């Protein structure tokens, strides 16, 4: 027969062991929850309302697209396909046409705030569009270098092409800026949510 003191000591040891076991289980649950945490930078969704400067950047992008891609791009495409631009293969018109279409898709995706996809398409569209634009500028420069040109309209044609088509590069830059703003805002919100989750009280097993 154990004495009362021995029974109390044994009960105390059991309580200590139980407490250690509970603490161990709580730590394991916390680590498991942390490892299974689906909070990531890509999963963070931004609020519907964007800063006003994002809208302004998009409106500037619209202006650049209409001026450089839609209007002068369209004029150039029609000119090449119609045979009004001498010694330029039709493939350059198709390069620019595909570029114009891709850039339109990138513009629409900007307004749907799909900045990652928009920028990827933007790059592809810019490469195709500028491939034709640069080709035309270099072709005109070569023509001016090899021939004695006095016609005022042709004399500065390379600079005219540059003023018409090179602003498209600004469209790519605007897409990059919007993407960067989106990533920064998402990271700030991610850090906020992460801190809130890490500082939230953990429910104890004893409470169950």
Protein backbone atom coordinates (compact mmCIF):
# COMPACT_ATOMS: atom_id res chain seq x y z
CA UNK A 1 0.00 0.00 0.00
CA UNK A 2 1.47 3.33 -1.14
CA UNK A 3 1.50 6.25 1.19
CA UNK A 4 -0.43 9.42 0.47
CA UNK A 5 2.83 11.25 -0.19
CA UNK A 6 3.92 8.65 -2.72
CA UNK A 7 0.56 8.74 -4.47
CA UNK A 8 0.69 12.55 -4.71
CA UNK A 9 4.24 12.41 -6.06
CA UNK A 10 3.25 9.81 -8.64
CA UNK A 11 0.21 11.86 -9.66
CA UNK A 12 2.38 14.98 -9.95
CA UNK A 13 4.86 13.17 -12.21
CA UNK A 14 2.01 11.97 -14.40
CA UNK A 15 0.68 15.52 -14.71
CA UNK A 16 4.14 16.78 -15.68
CA UNK A 17 4.50 14.06 -18.30
CA UNK A 18 1.01 14.78 -19.60
CA UNK A 19 1.81 18.47 -19.82
CA UNK A 20 5.00 17.76 -21.75
CA UNK A 21 3.09 15.44 -24.09
CA UNK A 22 0.44 18.10 -24.71
CA UNK A 23 3.10 20.75 -25.40
CA UNK A 24 4.85 18.39 -27.81
CA UNK A 25 1.59 17.66 -29.66
CA UNK A 26 0.78 21.38 -29.86
CA UNK A 27 4.23 22.09 -31.32
CA UNK A 28 3.79 19.30 -33.88
CA UNK A 29 0.37 20.65 -34.86
CA UNK A 30 1.78 24.15 -35.22
CA UNK A 31 4.64 22.91 -37.41
CA UNK A 32 2.24 20.82 -39.49
CA UNK A 33 -0.08 23.79 -39.97
CA UNK A 34 2.87 25.93 -40.96
CA UNK A 35 4.13 23.36 -43.48
CA UNK A 36 0.67 23.01 -45.01
CA UNK A 37 0.06 26.74 -45.04
CA UNK A 38 -1.17 27.71 -48.51
CA UNK A 39 -0.42 31.40 -47.98
CA UNK A 40 1.99 32.35 -50.74
CA UNK A 41 2.78 35.45 -52.75
CA UNK A 42 0.95 34.09 -55.79
CA UNK A 43 -2.16 33.21 -53.75
CA UNK A 44 -2.61 36.72 -52.39
CA UNK A 45 -5.47 38.56 -54.07
CA UNK A 46 -5.46 42.32 -54.18
CA UNK A 47 -8.43 44.52 -53.44
CA UNK A 48 -10.68 45.44 -56.35
CA UNK A 49 -9.80 49.11 -56.01
CA UNK A 50 -6.43 50.13 -57.46
CA UNK A 51 -4.51 53.37 -56.91
CA UNK A 52 -5.50 56.12 -59.34
CA UNK A 53 -2.00 56.19 -60.85
CA UNK A 54 -2.52 52.63 -62.15
CA UNK A 55 -5.54 53.81 -64.12
CA UNK A 56 -3.55 56.78 -65.45
CA UNK A 57 -0.76 54.46 -66.62
CA UNK A 58 -3.33 52.28 -68.40
CA UNK A 59 -4.85 55.30 -70.13
CA UNK A 60 -1.40 56.35 -71.31
CA UNK A 61 -0.90 52.81 -72.62
CA UNK A 62 -4.17 53.14 -74.55
CA UNK A 63 -2.93 56.39 -76.09
CA UNK A 64 0.38 54.84 -77.11
CA UNK A 65 -1.36 51.82 -78.59
CA UNK A 66 -3.85 53.88 -80.60
CA UNK A 67 -1.16 56.23 -81.90
CA UNK A 68 1.69 53.87 -82.66
CA UNK A 69 0.20 50.39 -83.07
CA UNK A 70 -3.37 50.84 -84.24
CA UNK A 71 -3.03 53.90 -86.48
CA UNK A 72 0.51 53.95 -87.83
CA UNK A 73 0.88 50.20 -87.48
CA UNK A 74 -2.31 49.76 -89.50
CA UNK A 75 -1.16 52.27 -92.13
CA UNK A 76 2.17 50.46 -92.48
CA UNK A 77 0.56 47.03 -92.73
CA UNK A 78 -1.86 48.20 -95.42
CA UNK A 79 0.97 49.98 -97.23
CA UNK A 80 3.19 46.87 -97.34
CA UNK A 81 0.38 44.50 -98.34
CA UNK A 82 -0.88 47.00 -100.92
CA UNK A 83 2.54 47.28 -102.51
CA UNK A 84 2.94 50.96 -101.60
CA UNK A 85 6.22 50.31 -99.76
CA UNK A 86 8.89 49.31 -102.26
CA UNK A 87 10.98 46.16 -101.84
CA UNK A 88 9.46 45.06 -98.53
CA UNK A 89 8.30 41.46 -98.26
CA UNK A 90 4.76 40.79 -97.08
CA UNK A 91 6.09 38.78 -94.16
CA UNK A 92 7.00 42.06 -92.43
CA UNK A 93 3.39 43.17 -92.66
CA UNK A 94 2.31 39.89 -91.04
CA UNK A 95 4.94 40.28 -88.29
CA UNK A 96 3.57 43.71 -87.47
CA UNK A 97 -0.05 42.56 -87.73
CA UNK A 98 0.51 39.72 -85.26
CA UNK A 99 2.36 42.15 -83.01
CA UNK A 100 -0.56 44.62 -83.10
CA UNK A 101 -3.02 41.84 -82.18
CA UNK A 102 -0.84 40.59 -79.32
CA UNK A 103 -0.38 44.10 -77.98
CA UNK A 104 -4.15 44.61 -78.02
CA UNK A 105 -4.52 41.43 -75.98
CA UNK A 106 -1.87 42.71 -73.55
CA UNK A 107 -3.74 46.00 -73.22
CA UNK A 108 -7.03 44.27 -72.43
CA UNK A 109 -5.34 42.05 -69.85
CA UNK A 110 -3.94 45.17 -68.17
CA UNK A 111 -7.50 46.33 -67.47
CA UNK A 112 -8.34 42.88 -66.07
CA UNK A 113 -5.22 43.21 -63.89
CA UNK A 114 -3.60 40.09 -65.31
CA UNK A 115 -0.25 41.84 -65.32
CA UNK A 116 2.01 38.78 -65.49
CA UNK A 117 0.29 37.30 -68.55
CA UNK A 118 -0.12 40.76 -70.06
CA UNK A 119 3.59 41.52 -69.82
CA UNK A 120 4.58 38.17 -71.31
CA UNK A 121 2.29 38.79 -74.30
CA UNK A 122 3.52 42.39 -74.39
CA UNK A 123 7.10 41.19 -74.87
CA UNK A 124 6.12 38.87 -77.73
CA UNK A 125 4.03 41.57 -79.40
CA UNK A 126 6.77 44.17 -79.05
CA UNK A 127 9.37 41.86 -80.60
CA UNK A 128 7.20 41.20 -83.65
CA UNK A 129 6.05 44.81 -84.02
CA UNK A 130 9.50 46.31 -83.62
CA UNK A 131 11.03 43.72 -85.93
CA UNK A 132 9.20 45.39 -88.82
CA UNK A 133 9.62 48.92 -87.48
CA UNK A 134 13.39 48.58 -87.09
CA UNK A 135 13.65 46.89 -90.50
CA UNK A 136 11.89 49.84 -92.17
CA UNK A 137 14.05 52.42 -90.39
CA UNK A 138 17.27 50.62 -91.31
CA UNK A 139 16.10 50.12 -94.89
CA UNK A 140 15.40 53.83 -95.30
CA UNK A 141 18.75 54.77 -93.71
CA UNK A 142 20.56 52.45 -96.10
CA UNK A 143 18.66 54.00 -99.01
CA UNK A 144 19.65 57.49 -97.87
CA UNK A 145 23.29 56.49 -97.45
CA UNK A 146 23.57 54.85 -100.86
CA UNK A 147 21.72 57.48 -102.86
CA UNK A 148 21.84 61.22 -103.18
CA UNK A 149 18.36 62.18 -101.96
CA UNK A 150 17.06 65.72 -102.28
CA UNK A 151 13.36 65.05 -101.79
CA UNK A 152 12.50 66.61 -98.41
CA UNK A 153 9.82 63.99 -97.69
CA UNK A 154 12.26 61.10 -98.15
CA UNK A 155 15.27 62.84 -96.64
CA UNK A 156 13.93 62.45 -93.06
CA UNK A 157 11.79 59.36 -93.63
CA UNK A 158 13.82 57.27 -91.18
CA UNK A 159 13.10 59.76 -88.38
CA UNK A 160 9.44 59.84 -89.43
CA UNK A 161 9.21 56.06 -89.05
CA UNK A 162 10.91 56.31 -85.67
CA UNK A 163 8.44 58.93 -84.43
CA UNK A 164 5.55 56.77 -85.60
CA UNK A 165 6.61 53.34 -84.41
CA UNK A 166 9.26 53.64 -81.67
CA UNK A 167 6.79 55.03 -79.08
CA UNK A 168 5.53 51.44 -78.91
CA UNK A 169 8.50 50.74 -76.65
CA UNK A 170 6.79 52.98 -74.08
CA UNK A 171 3.89 50.51 -74.15
CA UNK A 172 6.27 47.75 -73.03
CA UNK A 173 7.71 49.98 -70.30
CA UNK A 174 4.22 50.83 -69.02
CA UNK A 175 3.38 47.13 -68.84
CA UNK A 176 6.55 46.53 -66.84
CA UNK A 177 5.74 49.38 -64.43
CA UNK A 178 2.22 48.06 -63.84
CA UNK A 179 3.59 44.57 -63.23
CA UNK A 180 6.15 45.93 -60.74
CA UNK A 181 3.48 47.93 -58.88
CA UNK A 182 1.25 44.86 -58.72
CA UNK A 183 4.05 42.69 -57.31
CA UNK A 184 5.02 45.29 -54.70
CA UNK A 185 1.41 45.73 -53.56
CA UNK A 186 0.93 41.97 -53.43
CA UNK A 187 4.12 41.51 -51.41
CA UNK A 188 3.07 44.18 -48.90
CA UNK A 189 -0.31 42.50 -48.44
CA UNK A 190 1.36 39.08 -48.23
CA UNK A 191 3.66 40.27 -45.45
CA UNK A 192 0.68 41.76 -43.60
CA UNK A 193 -1.33 38.53 -43.83
CA UNK A 194 1.73 36.49 -42.87
CA UNK A 195 2.34 38.60 -39.78
CA UNK A 196 -1.33 38.38 -38.77
CA UNK A 197 -1.26 34.61 -39.12
CA UNK A 198 2.05 34.18 -37.28
CA UNK A 199 0.90 36.38 -34.41
CA UNK A 200 -2.53 34.77 -34.12
CA UNK A 201 -3.05 32.76 -30.89
CA UNK A 202 -2.74 29.00 -31.33
CA UNK A 203 -5.70 26.97 -30.08
CA UNK A 204 -4.56 24.66 -27.34
CA UNK A 205 -5.25 20.93 -27.33
CA UNK A 206 -6.47 21.32 -23.74
CA UNK A 207 -9.31 23.52 -25.07
CA UNK A 208 -10.57 20.55 -27.07
